[in-house]
Structure formats: C-alpha cells, structure tokens
Amino acid sequence: ARDVILILMVKYGIIRRELLIKAYEKSGDASIVVTAQVINSLLGLLARKALNGMEMKVEDDLTFETEFTEVARLHELYWEDKELALGVFVRLYEAEMEAALLW
C-alpha cells in the first residue's frame, strides 16, 4: 500500500483518501490486509492535507538527478517495475477518480 501511495503521489501530486480507501475495498483479498486504518496510517506518515486531498510531506530533491544520474536512472527503473506490479491498484484508484468526476 505504501508503494501504491508513492506511485500515485508522483503520478498525480495529490491523493484523495476516500477514493484510495474505496479502491482497496474493491481490490478483493488485498482489502483484508489494507484497511482504511492502514491507509490512514500510511497517509499520516507520508502526506499532509492539501486543498483537494493529500500531498507528499517531503519535496522532491531536484539536484539529486543531476548529481547522481546513474543512481537516479536505476531508481526510476525500480519504480517503473513497481508501477507495473501494482498496476491493478493504480487502475482501481483511477476508476474511483473517474467515478467521482461523474457526480
């Protein structure tokens, strides 16, 4: 769940807590482990309240990529693999985002 939150934060900048909870509730077996309490705890550690949801507490270090190009590229590849592996949860969240826009 932590990695899904980080992926969504990088992708969208802001996460809506209630949509993430709904997404995990629809995920099947994962909802047994990743409850609203787990999501709330993780967001409490990783994010702060913003106008339309939750945003990362820690800002990006823009100098890191320039100073450590190879490490940054390996890091990027790692997260690309993570996003593929956790894609079902990202898609569930995106479906909740779309549904919320319809109302």
N, C-alpha and C. Protein backbone atom coordinates (compact mmCIF):
# COMPACT_ATOMS: atom_id res chain seq x y z
N ALA A 1 0.83 -1.20 0.00
CA ALA A 1 0.00 0.00 0.00
C ALA A 1 0.88 1.26 0.00
N ARG A 2 1.98 1.20 0.71
CA ARG A 2 2.88 2.35 0.74
C ARG A 2 3.37 2.68 -0.65
N ASP A 3 3.77 1.66 -1.40
CA ASP A 3 4.30 1.89 -2.74
C ASP A 3 3.21 2.42 -3.67
N VAL A 4 1.99 1.94 -3.52
CA VAL A 4 0.88 2.45 -4.33
C VAL A 4 0.68 3.94 -4.04
N ILE A 5 0.72 4.31 -2.77
CA ILE A 5 0.57 5.72 -2.39
C ILE A 5 1.69 6.55 -3.03
N LEU A 6 2.92 6.07 -2.95
CA LEU A 6 4.04 6.81 -3.53
C LEU A 6 3.90 6.94 -5.05
N ILE A 7 3.49 5.86 -5.70
CA ILE A 7 3.29 5.90 -7.15
C ILE A 7 2.22 6.93 -7.51
N LEU A 8 1.11 6.90 -6.79
CA LEU A 8 0.02 7.84 -7.07
C LEU A 8 0.42 9.28 -6.77
N MET A 9 1.22 9.48 -5.73
CA MET A 9 1.68 10.83 -5.40
C MET A 9 2.56 11.39 -6.52
N VAL A 10 3.45 10.56 -7.04
CA VAL A 10 4.32 11.00 -8.13
C VAL A 10 3.49 11.25 -9.39
N LYS A 11 2.54 10.38 -9.65
CA LYS A 11 1.74 10.47 -10.87
C LYS A 11 0.77 11.65 -10.85
N TYR A 12 0.11 11.89 -9.71
CA TYR A 12 -0.95 12.89 -9.65
C TYR A 12 -0.66 14.08 -8.73
N GLY A 13 0.31 13.96 -7.87
CA GLY A 13 0.63 15.06 -6.95
C GLY A 13 -0.24 15.07 -5.71
N ILE A 14 -1.48 14.66 -5.85
CA ILE A 14 -2.43 14.66 -4.73
C ILE A 14 -3.22 13.35 -4.75
N ILE A 15 -3.48 12.82 -3.57
CA ILE A 15 -4.32 11.63 -3.42
C ILE A 15 -5.55 12.00 -2.62
N ARG A 16 -6.68 11.50 -3.05
CA ARG A 16 -7.90 11.68 -2.27
C ARG A 16 -8.09 10.41 -1.43
N ARG A 17 -7.99 10.60 -0.14
CA ARG A 17 -8.03 9.49 0.82
C ARG A 17 -9.23 8.57 0.60
N GLU A 18 -10.41 9.17 0.48
CA GLU A 18 -11.63 8.36 0.37
C GLU A 18 -11.65 7.52 -0.90
N LEU A 19 -11.06 8.03 -1.97
CA LEU A 19 -11.01 7.27 -3.22
C LEU A 19 -10.03 6.10 -3.11
N LEU A 20 -8.93 6.31 -2.42
CA LEU A 20 -7.97 5.23 -2.22
C LEU A 20 -8.57 4.13 -1.36
N ILE A 21 -9.30 4.51 -0.33
CA ILE A 21 -9.97 3.52 0.52
C ILE A 21 -10.98 2.72 -0.30
N LYS A 22 -11.79 3.39 -1.11
CA LYS A 22 -12.77 2.70 -1.96
C LYS A 22 -12.07 1.76 -2.93
N ALA A 23 -10.96 2.21 -3.51
CA ALA A 23 -10.22 1.37 -4.46
C ALA A 23 -9.76 0.08 -3.79
N TYR A 24 -9.21 0.19 -2.59
CA TYR A 24 -8.75 -1.02 -1.90
C TYR A 24 -9.91 -1.90 -1.46
N GLU A 25 -11.04 -1.28 -1.11
CA GLU A 25 -12.22 -2.08 -0.74
C GLU A 25 -12.68 -2.93 -1.91
N LYS A 26 -12.44 -2.49 -3.13
CA LYS A 26 -12.85 -3.22 -4.33
C LYS A 26 -11.76 -4.15 -4.85
N SER A 27 -10.63 -4.23 -4.16
CA SER A 27 -9.48 -4.98 -4.67
C SER A 27 -9.52 -6.47 -4.36
N GLY A 28 -10.52 -6.93 -3.64
CA GLY A 28 -10.58 -8.35 -3.32
C GLY A 28 -9.80 -8.67 -2.06
N ASP A 29 -8.92 -9.67 -2.15
CA ASP A 29 -8.17 -10.14 -0.97
C ASP A 29 -7.30 -9.07 -0.33
N ALA A 30 -6.81 -8.13 -1.12
CA ALA A 30 -5.94 -7.08 -0.56
C ALA A 30 -6.68 -6.24 0.47
N SER A 31 -8.01 -6.15 0.33
CA SER A 31 -8.78 -5.33 1.26
C SER A 31 -8.79 -5.90 2.67
N ILE A 32 -8.45 -7.17 2.80
CA ILE A 32 -8.39 -7.79 4.13
C ILE A 32 -7.19 -7.23 4.90
N VAL A 33 -6.10 -7.01 4.21
CA VAL A 33 -4.87 -6.53 4.84
C VAL A 33 -4.80 -5.00 4.82
N VAL A 34 -5.14 -4.42 3.67
CA VAL A 34 -5.04 -2.96 3.51
C VAL A 34 -6.40 -2.34 3.81
N THR A 35 -6.60 -2.05 5.06
CA THR A 35 -7.86 -1.48 5.53
C THR A 35 -7.79 0.05 5.52
N ALA A 36 -8.90 0.68 5.80
CA ALA A 36 -8.93 2.14 5.91
C ALA A 36 -7.94 2.60 6.98
N GLN A 37 -7.81 1.85 8.05
CA GLN A 37 -6.88 2.21 9.12
C GLN A 37 -5.43 2.19 8.62
N VAL A 38 -5.08 1.19 7.83
CA VAL A 38 -3.73 1.10 7.28
C VAL A 38 -3.47 2.28 6.34
N ILE A 39 -4.43 2.56 5.46
CA ILE A 39 -4.28 3.68 4.53
C ILE A 39 -4.15 4.99 5.28
N ASN A 40 -4.98 5.19 6.28
CA ASN A 40 -4.90 6.43 7.07
C ASN A 40 -3.55 6.56 7.77
N SER A 41 -3.04 5.46 8.30
CA SER A 41 -1.73 5.48 8.97
C SER A 41 -0.62 5.85 7.99
N LEU A 42 -0.63 5.21 6.82
CA LEU A 42 0.39 5.49 5.82
C LEU A 42 0.32 6.93 5.33
N LEU A 43 -0.89 7.40 5.07
CA LEU A 43 -1.03 8.80 4.62
C LEU A 43 -0.59 9.76 5.72
N GLY A 44 -0.82 9.39 6.97
CA GLY A 44 -0.36 10.23 8.08
C GLY A 44 1.15 10.36 8.12
N LEU A 45 1.84 9.30 7.71
CA LEU A 45 3.31 9.32 7.69
C LEU A 45 3.87 10.01 6.45
N LEU A 46 3.23 9.81 5.31
CA LEU A 46 3.79 10.24 4.03
C LEU A 46 3.26 11.57 3.52
N ALA A 47 2.09 11.97 3.97
CA ALA A 47 1.41 13.09 3.32
C ALA A 47 0.90 14.12 4.32
N ARG A 48 0.55 15.27 3.75
CA ARG A 48 -0.09 16.33 4.55
C ARG A 48 -1.34 16.78 3.79
N LYS A 49 -2.27 17.36 4.53
CA LYS A 49 -3.50 17.81 3.91
C LYS A 49 -3.22 18.95 2.93
N ALA A 50 -3.89 18.89 1.81
CA ALA A 50 -3.83 19.94 0.80
C ALA A 50 -5.27 20.34 0.48
N LEU A 51 -5.42 21.29 -0.39
CA LEU A 51 -6.74 21.80 -0.72
C LEU A 51 -7.69 20.70 -1.22
N ASN A 52 -7.22 19.85 -2.11
CA ASN A 52 -8.09 18.84 -2.71
C ASN A 52 -7.74 17.40 -2.34
N GLY A 53 -6.96 17.20 -1.29
CA GLY A 53 -6.58 15.85 -0.91
C GLY A 53 -5.33 15.86 -0.05
N MET A 54 -4.48 14.88 -0.28
CA MET A 54 -3.25 14.73 0.48
C MET A 54 -2.07 14.84 -0.49
N GLU A 55 -1.02 15.58 -0.09
CA GLU A 55 0.17 15.71 -0.91
C GLU A 55 1.38 15.27 -0.11
N MET A 56 2.48 14.97 -0.81
CA MET A 56 3.70 14.49 -0.15
C MET A 56 4.20 15.51 0.87
N LYS A 57 4.67 15.01 2.01
CA LYS A 57 5.28 15.87 3.02
C LYS A 57 6.65 16.36 2.59
N VAL A 58 7.39 15.51 1.91
CA VAL A 58 8.77 15.82 1.53
C VAL A 58 8.80 16.24 0.07
N GLU A 59 9.41 17.37 -0.19
CA GLU A 59 9.53 17.87 -1.56
C GLU A 59 10.59 17.08 -2.33
N ASP A 60 10.47 17.05 -3.64
CA ASP A 60 11.48 16.41 -4.48
C ASP A 60 12.81 17.14 -4.36
N ASP A 61 13.89 16.37 -4.38
CA ASP A 61 15.23 16.95 -4.42
C ASP A 61 15.65 17.03 -5.88
N LEU A 62 15.50 18.19 -6.45
CA LEU A 62 15.76 18.37 -7.88
C LEU A 62 17.24 18.26 -8.24
N THR A 63 18.12 18.41 -7.27
CA THR A 63 19.56 18.31 -7.56
C THR A 63 20.04 16.86 -7.61
N PHE A 64 19.32 15.95 -6.99
CA PHE A 64 19.77 14.56 -6.91
C PHE A 64 19.99 13.95 -8.29
N GLU A 65 19.02 14.13 -9.18
CA GLU A 65 19.13 13.53 -10.52
C GLU A 65 20.34 14.06 -11.28
N THR A 66 20.65 15.33 -11.10
CA THR A 66 21.79 15.91 -11.79
C THR A 66 23.11 15.41 -11.22
N GLU A 67 23.18 15.30 -9.92
CA GLU A 67 24.42 14.91 -9.26
C GLU A 67 24.67 13.40 -9.30
N PHE A 68 23.61 12.61 -9.34
CA PHE A 68 23.72 11.15 -9.29
C PHE A 68 22.90 10.53 -10.42
N THR A 69 23.26 10.82 -11.63
CA THR A 69 22.48 10.42 -12.80
C THR A 69 22.23 8.92 -12.86
N GLU A 70 23.26 8.12 -12.67
CA GLU A 70 23.11 6.66 -12.78
C GLU A 70 22.20 6.11 -11.68
N VAL A 71 22.39 6.56 -10.47
CA VAL A 71 21.55 6.12 -9.35
C VAL A 71 20.10 6.54 -9.59
N ALA A 72 19.91 7.75 -10.07
CA ALA A 72 18.56 8.25 -10.34
C ALA A 72 17.89 7.40 -11.42
N ARG A 73 18.63 7.01 -12.43
CA ARG A 73 18.06 6.18 -13.51
C ARG A 73 17.68 4.81 -12.98
N LEU A 74 18.52 4.21 -12.15
CA LEU A 74 18.19 2.91 -11.55
C LEU A 74 16.96 3.02 -10.66
N HIS A 75 16.88 4.11 -9.95
CA HIS A 75 15.72 4.37 -9.09
C HIS A 75 14.45 4.49 -9.93
N GLU A 76 14.55 5.18 -11.04
CA GLU A 76 13.41 5.33 -11.94
C GLU A 76 12.96 3.98 -12.50
N LEU A 77 13.92 3.14 -12.89
CA LEU A 77 13.59 1.81 -13.39
C LEU A 77 12.91 0.96 -12.32
N TYR A 78 13.41 1.07 -11.09
CA TYR A 78 12.80 0.34 -9.97
C TYR A 78 11.32 0.71 -9.84
N TRP A 79 11.03 2.01 -9.88
CA TRP A 79 9.64 2.46 -9.69
C TRP A 79 8.77 2.15 -10.90
N GLU A 80 9.37 2.09 -12.09
CA GLU A 80 8.60 1.66 -13.26
C GLU A 80 8.16 0.21 -13.09
N ASP A 81 9.05 -0.65 -12.60
CA ASP A 81 8.71 -2.05 -12.32
C ASP A 81 7.64 -2.15 -11.24
N LYS A 82 7.79 -1.33 -10.20
CA LYS A 82 6.80 -1.33 -9.11
C LYS A 82 5.43 -0.95 -9.64
N GLU A 83 5.38 0.07 -10.51
CA GLU A 83 4.09 0.51 -11.05
C GLU A 83 3.44 -0.59 -11.89
N LEU A 84 4.25 -1.33 -12.63
CA LEU A 84 3.70 -2.46 -13.40
C LEU A 84 3.15 -3.53 -12.46
N ALA A 85 3.90 -3.84 -11.42
CA ALA A 85 3.48 -4.88 -10.48
C ALA A 85 2.23 -4.48 -9.69
N LEU A 86 2.08 -3.20 -9.41
CA LEU A 86 0.96 -2.72 -8.59
C LEU A 86 -0.10 -2.03 -9.44
N GLY A 87 -0.03 -2.22 -10.74
CA GLY A 87 -0.92 -1.54 -11.66
C GLY A 87 -2.39 -1.73 -11.37
N VAL A 88 -2.77 -2.90 -10.87
CA VAL A 88 -4.19 -3.14 -10.59
C VAL A 88 -4.72 -2.13 -9.57
N PHE A 89 -3.91 -1.80 -8.58
CA PHE A 89 -4.35 -0.85 -7.56
C PHE A 89 -4.38 0.57 -8.10
N VAL A 90 -3.43 0.89 -8.96
CA VAL A 90 -3.43 2.21 -9.59
C VAL A 90 -4.67 2.36 -10.46
N ARG A 91 -5.01 1.32 -11.22
CA ARG A 91 -6.19 1.37 -12.09
C ARG A 91 -7.48 1.45 -11.27
N LEU A 92 -7.53 0.75 -10.15
CA LEU A 92 -8.72 0.83 -9.28
C LEU A 92 -8.89 2.25 -8.75
N TYR A 93 -7.79 2.89 -8.36
CA TYR A 93 -7.85 4.26 -7.88
C TYR A 93 -8.29 5.20 -9.01
N GLU A 94 -7.75 5.00 -10.20
CA GLU A 94 -8.12 5.84 -11.33
C GLU A 94 -9.59 5.68 -11.69
N ALA A 95 -10.12 4.46 -11.55
CA ALA A 95 -11.55 4.24 -11.79
C ALA A 95 -12.39 5.01 -10.76
N GLU A 96 -11.92 5.03 -9.52
CA GLU A 96 -12.63 5.80 -8.48
C GLU A 96 -12.56 7.30 -8.78
N MET A 97 -11.42 7.75 -9.32
CA MET A 97 -11.30 9.16 -9.70
C MET A 97 -12.32 9.50 -10.79
N GLU A 98 -12.41 8.64 -11.80
CA GLU A 98 -13.34 8.88 -12.88
C GLU A 98 -14.79 8.88 -12.37
N ALA A 99 -15.12 7.93 -11.51
CA ALA A 99 -16.46 7.85 -10.95
C ALA A 99 -16.80 9.10 -10.15
N ALA A 100 -15.83 9.62 -9.42
CA ALA A 100 -16.06 10.82 -8.61
C ALA A 100 -16.31 12.04 -9.49
N LEU A 101 -15.72 12.07 -10.68
CA LEU A 101 -15.92 13.18 -11.59
C LEU A 101 -17.29 13.16 -12.24
N LEU A 102 -17.92 11.98 -12.28
CA LEU A 102 -19.23 11.85 -12.90
C LEU A 102 -20.34 12.40 -12.01
N TRP A 103 -20.06 12.53 -10.74
CA TRP A 103 -21.14 13.01 -9.83
C TRP A 103 -21.14 14.47 -9.74
